[in-house]
């Protein structure tokens, strides 16, 4: 007869899933993403918004620099940029200073959408952090910035 092995539980090892940073961050991110999808216009994802916002703030830049500036790997950046180009929100053109490189920039349609989306994104942040008091909001943001 073989003995069935039972999984160890938190009573055995002390690991409580609901108290773990990764689990809590994922749940908080899911909440924020749901609010984002509900409030932000143009069916933008959070990654698409980040790309467009960075271009609105910093102007045209290479796809490589753009990806690094929003903490995305090259493959993810390329996919996001390609989808935004297909939607006529971004365009690429040769860099006049380095003909080997292409610069990514917002189209007029992209500018109109990001201007509207930023207003909604402010509401997303406010709603996401609504359960916290002002000082707790500041502390949370400071601590998150410290661990990244």
C-alpha atoms as a PDB file:
ATOM      1  CA  UNK A   1       0.000   0.000   0.000  1.00  0.00           C
ATOM      2  CA  UNK A   2       1.294   3.423  -0.882  1.00  0.00           C
ATOM      3  CA  UNK A   3       0.768   6.333   1.399  1.00  0.00           C
ATOM      4  CA  UNK A   4      -0.879   9.381  -0.209  1.00  0.00           C
ATOM      5  CA  UNK A   5       1.117  12.532   0.175  1.00  0.00           C
ATOM      6  CA  UNK A   6      -0.871  15.488   1.373  1.00  0.00           C
ATOM      7  CA  UNK A   7       0.050  19.061   0.504  1.00  0.00           C
ATOM      8  CA  UNK A   8       1.596  21.078   3.271  1.00  0.00           C
ATOM      9  CA  UNK A   9      -0.588  23.941   4.445  1.00  0.00           C
ATOM     10  CA  UNK A  10       0.129  27.323   5.945  1.00  0.00           C
ATOM     11  CA  UNK A  11      -0.249  25.691   9.363  1.00  0.00           C
ATOM     12  CA  UNK A  12       2.806  23.568   8.423  1.00  0.00           C
ATOM     13  CA  UNK A  13       5.049  26.101   6.698  1.00  0.00           C
ATOM     14  CA  UNK A  14       3.667  29.516   7.704  1.00  0.00           C
ATOM     15  CA  UNK A  15       3.187  30.788   4.151  1.00  0.00           C
ATOM     16  CA  UNK A  16      -0.195  32.540   4.029  1.00  0.00           C
ATOM     17  CA  UNK A  17      -1.000  33.419   0.421  1.00  0.00           C
ATOM     18  CA  UNK A  18      -3.316  36.300   1.329  1.00  0.00           C
ATOM     19  CA  UNK A  19      -0.460  38.013   3.188  1.00  0.00           C
ATOM     20  CA  UNK A  20       2.186  37.818   0.450  1.00  0.00           C
ATOM     21  CA  UNK A  21       3.412  40.928  -1.363  1.00  0.00           C
ATOM     22  CA  UNK A  22       3.153  39.399  -4.843  1.00  0.00           C
ATOM     23  CA  UNK A  23      -0.396  38.179  -4.288  1.00  0.00           C
ATOM     24  CA  UNK A  24      -1.513  41.511  -2.830  1.00  0.00           C
ATOM     25  CA  UNK A  25       0.192  43.498  -5.615  1.00  0.00           C
ATOM     26  CA  UNK A  26      -1.495  41.326  -8.245  1.00  0.00           C
ATOM     27  CA  UNK A  27      -4.909  41.855  -6.648  1.00  0.00           C
ATOM     28  CA  UNK A  28      -4.310  45.601  -6.366  1.00  0.00           C
ATOM     29  CA  UNK A  29      -3.164  45.699  -9.993  1.00  0.00           C
ATOM     30  CA  UNK A  30      -6.255  43.770 -11.090  1.00  0.00           C
ATOM     31  CA  UNK A  31      -8.455  46.279  -9.279  1.00  0.00           C
ATOM     32  CA  UNK A  32      -6.598  49.198 -10.862  1.00  0.00           C
ATOM     33  CA  UNK A  33      -6.775  47.569 -14.319  1.00  0.00           C
ATOM     34  CA  UNK A  34     -10.515  47.027 -14.051  1.00  0.00           C
ATOM     35  CA  UNK A  35     -11.048  50.655 -13.056  1.00  0.00           C
ATOM     36  CA  UNK A  36      -8.723  51.730 -15.892  1.00  0.00           C
ATOM     37  CA  UNK A  37     -10.644  49.724 -18.493  1.00  0.00           C
ATOM     38  CA  UNK A  38     -13.920  51.142 -17.214  1.00  0.00           C
ATOM     39  CA  UNK A  39     -12.887  54.813 -17.199  1.00  0.00           C
ATOM     40  CA  UNK A  40     -10.218  55.355 -19.852  1.00  0.00           C
ATOM     41  CA  UNK A  41     -11.549  55.980 -23.367  1.00  0.00           C
ATOM     42  CA  UNK A  42     -10.380  54.456 -26.612  1.00  0.00           C
ATOM     43  CA  UNK A  43     -10.074  50.844 -25.450  1.00  0.00           C
ATOM     44  CA  UNK A  44      -6.488  51.590 -24.363  1.00  0.00           C
ATOM     45  CA  UNK A  45      -4.643  49.057 -22.261  1.00  0.00           C
ATOM     46  CA  UNK A  46      -2.425  50.251 -19.440  1.00  0.00           C
ATOM     47  CA  UNK A  47       0.675  49.482 -21.546  1.00  0.00           C
ATOM     48  CA  UNK A  48      -0.694  51.374 -24.557  1.00  0.00           C
ATOM     49  CA  UNK A  49      -1.516  54.304 -22.318  1.00  0.00           C
ATOM     50  CA  UNK A  50       2.017  54.281 -20.869  1.00  0.00           C
ATOM     51  CA  UNK A  51       3.571  54.366 -24.350  1.00  0.00           C
ATOM     52  CA  UNK A  52       1.316  57.186 -25.515  1.00  0.00           C
ATOM     53  CA  UNK A  53       1.755  59.177 -22.325  1.00  0.00           C
ATOM     54  CA  UNK A  54       5.538  58.941 -22.529  1.00  0.00           C
ATOM     55  CA  UNK A  55       5.459  60.186 -26.127  1.00  0.00           C
ATOM     56  CA  UNK A  56       3.140  63.038 -25.138  1.00  0.00           C
ATOM     57  CA  UNK A  57       5.523  64.039 -22.347  1.00  0.00           C
ATOM     58  CA  UNK A  58       8.884  63.528 -24.047  1.00  0.00           C
ATOM     59  CA  UNK A  59       8.154  63.730 -27.762  1.00  0.00           C
ATOM     60  CA  UNK A  60       9.272  61.407 -30.559  1.00  0.00           C
ATOM     61  CA  UNK A  61      11.867  58.797 -29.670  1.00  0.00           C
ATOM     62  CA  UNK A  62      13.249  55.502 -30.873  1.00  0.00           C
ATOM     63  CA  UNK A  63      11.226  52.408 -30.122  1.00  0.00           C
ATOM     64  CA  UNK A  64      14.111  51.062 -28.043  1.00  0.00           C
ATOM     65  CA  UNK A  65      14.301  54.152 -25.849  1.00  0.00           C
ATOM     66  CA  UNK A  66      10.510  54.296 -25.619  1.00  0.00           C
ATOM     67  CA  UNK A  67      10.324  50.735 -24.323  1.00  0.00           C
ATOM     68  CA  UNK A  68      13.058  51.299 -21.770  1.00  0.00           C
ATOM     69  CA  UNK A  69      11.390  54.505 -20.579  1.00  0.00           C
ATOM     70  CA  UNK A  70       8.211  52.616 -19.656  1.00  0.00           C
ATOM     71  CA  UNK A  71       9.941  49.457 -18.379  1.00  0.00           C
ATOM     72  CA  UNK A  72       8.926  47.163 -21.263  1.00  0.00           C
ATOM     73  CA  UNK A  73      11.072  44.645 -23.064  1.00  0.00           C
ATOM     74  CA  UNK A  74      11.689  45.059 -26.785  1.00  0.00           C
ATOM     75  CA  UNK A  75       9.195  42.445 -27.962  1.00  0.00           C
ATOM     76  CA  UNK A  76       6.380  43.862 -25.823  1.00  0.00           C
ATOM     77  CA  UNK A  77       7.162  47.399 -26.957  1.00  0.00           C
ATOM     78  CA  UNK A  78       7.141  46.381 -30.612  1.00  0.00           C
ATOM     79  CA  UNK A  79       3.767  44.663 -30.245  1.00  0.00           C
ATOM     80  CA  UNK A  80       2.226  47.640 -28.441  1.00  0.00           C
ATOM     81  CA  UNK A  81       3.637  50.147 -30.933  1.00  0.00           C
ATOM     82  CA  UNK A  82       2.492  48.036 -33.913  1.00  0.00           C
ATOM     83  CA  UNK A  83      -1.058  47.837 -32.535  1.00  0.00           C
ATOM     84  CA  UNK A  84      -1.149  51.600 -31.927  1.00  0.00           C
ATOM     85  CA  UNK A  85       0.161  52.249 -35.444  1.00  0.00           C
ATOM     86  CA  UNK A  86      -2.577  49.991 -36.844  1.00  0.00           C
ATOM     87  CA  UNK A  87      -5.117  52.123 -34.961  1.00  0.00           C
ATOM     88  CA  UNK A  88      -3.530  55.277 -36.437  1.00  0.00           C
ATOM     89  CA  UNK A  89      -2.596  56.574 -32.976  1.00  0.00           C
ATOM     90  CA  UNK A  90       1.174  56.407 -33.593  1.00  0.00           C
ATOM     91  CA  UNK A  91       3.402  56.794 -36.609  1.00  0.00           C
ATOM     92  CA  UNK A  92       7.082  56.106 -37.276  1.00  0.00           C
ATOM     93  CA  UNK A  93       9.458  58.107 -39.426  1.00  0.00           C
ATOM     94  CA  UNK A  94      13.176  58.119 -40.077  1.00  0.00           C
ATOM     95  CA  UNK A  95      15.259  60.047 -37.574  1.00  0.00           C
ATOM     96  CA  UNK A  96      16.660  63.052 -39.477  1.00  0.00           C
ATOM     97  CA  UNK A  97      19.825  62.854 -37.338  1.00  0.00           C
ATOM     98  CA  UNK A  98      20.370  59.105 -37.838  1.00  0.00           C
ATOM     99  CA  UNK A  99      18.791  57.647 -40.969  1.00  0.00           C
ATOM    100  CA  UNK A 100      19.232  54.093 -39.613  1.00  0.00           C
ATOM    101  CA  UNK A 101      16.841  54.770 -36.763  1.00  0.00           C
ATOM    102  CA  UNK A 102      13.079  55.353 -36.733  1.00  0.00           C
ATOM    103  CA  UNK A 103      11.289  57.656 -34.319  1.00  0.00           C
ATOM    104  CA  UNK A 104       7.877  56.855 -32.890  1.00  0.00           C
ATOM    105  CA  UNK A 105       5.458  59.733 -32.379  1.00  0.00           C
ATOM    106  CA  UNK A 106       1.802  60.433 -31.748  1.00  0.00           C
ATOM    107  CA  UNK A 107      -0.538  61.192 -34.646  1.00  0.00           C
ATOM    108  CA  UNK A 108      -3.123  63.967 -34.328  1.00  0.00           C
ATOM    109  CA  UNK A 109      -5.673  61.235 -33.539  1.00  0.00           C
ATOM    110  CA  UNK A 110      -3.284  59.874 -30.879  1.00  0.00           C
ATOM    111  CA  UNK A 111      -2.816  63.309 -29.361  1.00  0.00           C
ATOM    112  CA  UNK A 112      -6.573  63.800 -29.079  1.00  0.00           C
ATOM    113  CA  UNK A 113      -7.000  60.411 -27.416  1.00  0.00           C
ATOM    114  CA  UNK A 114      -4.137  60.753 -24.933  1.00  0.00           C
ATOM    115  CA  UNK A 115      -5.348  64.211 -23.922  1.00  0.00           C
ATOM    116  CA  UNK A 116      -8.749  62.737 -23.091  1.00  0.00           C
ATOM    117  CA  UNK A 117      -7.271  59.571 -21.566  1.00  0.00           C
ATOM    118  CA  UNK A 118      -5.026  61.446 -19.128  1.00  0.00           C
ATOM    119  CA  UNK A 119      -8.040  63.108 -17.538  1.00  0.00           C
ATOM    120  CA  UNK A 120      -9.614  59.675 -17.087  1.00  0.00           C
ATOM    121  CA  UNK A 121      -6.342  58.217 -15.765  1.00  0.00           C
ATOM    122  CA  UNK A 122      -6.333  60.817 -13.006  1.00  0.00           C
ATOM    123  CA  UNK A 123      -9.775  59.532 -11.991  1.00  0.00           C
ATOM    124  CA  UNK A 124      -8.444  55.938 -12.133  1.00  0.00           C
ATOM    125  CA  UNK A 125      -5.692  56.779  -9.656  1.00  0.00           C
ATOM    126  CA  UNK A 126      -8.097  58.586  -7.369  1.00  0.00           C
ATOM    127  CA  UNK A 127     -10.590  55.720  -7.424  1.00  0.00           C
ATOM    128  CA  UNK A 128      -7.902  53.071  -6.940  1.00  0.00           C
ATOM    129  CA  UNK A 129      -6.548  54.866  -3.887  1.00  0.00           C
ATOM    130  CA  UNK A 130      -9.963  55.959  -2.563  1.00  0.00           C
ATOM    131  CA  UNK A 131     -10.013  53.469   0.358  1.00  0.00           C
ATOM    132  CA  UNK A 132      -6.860  55.092   1.781  1.00  0.00           C
ATOM    133  CA  UNK A 133      -6.433  58.264   3.788  1.00  0.00           C
ATOM    134  CA  UNK A 134      -4.219  60.948   2.259  1.00  0.00           C
ATOM    135  CA  UNK A 135      -1.174  60.034   4.333  1.00  0.00           C
ATOM    136  CA  UNK A 136      -1.648  56.329   3.562  1.00  0.00           C
ATOM    137  CA  UNK A 137      -1.722  57.128  -0.165  1.00  0.00           C
ATOM    138  CA  UNK A 138       1.562  59.020   0.107  1.00  0.00           C
ATOM    139  CA  UNK A 139       3.135  56.216   2.144  1.00  0.00           C
ATOM    140  CA  UNK A 140       1.984  53.498  -0.255  1.00  0.00           C
ATOM    141  CA  UNK A 141       3.335  55.318  -3.302  1.00  0.00           C
ATOM    142  CA  UNK A 142       6.620  56.122  -1.541  1.00  0.00           C
ATOM    143  CA  UNK A 143       7.110  52.504  -0.445  1.00  0.00           C
ATOM    144  CA  UNK A 144       6.237  51.076  -3.865  1.00  0.00           C
ATOM    145  CA  UNK A 145       8.722  53.437  -5.498  1.00  0.00           C
ATOM    146  CA  UNK A 146      11.330  52.262  -2.999  1.00  0.00           C
ATOM    147  CA  UNK A 147      11.029  48.566  -3.916  1.00  0.00           C
ATOM    148  CA  UNK A 148      11.138  48.947  -7.697  1.00  0.00           C
END
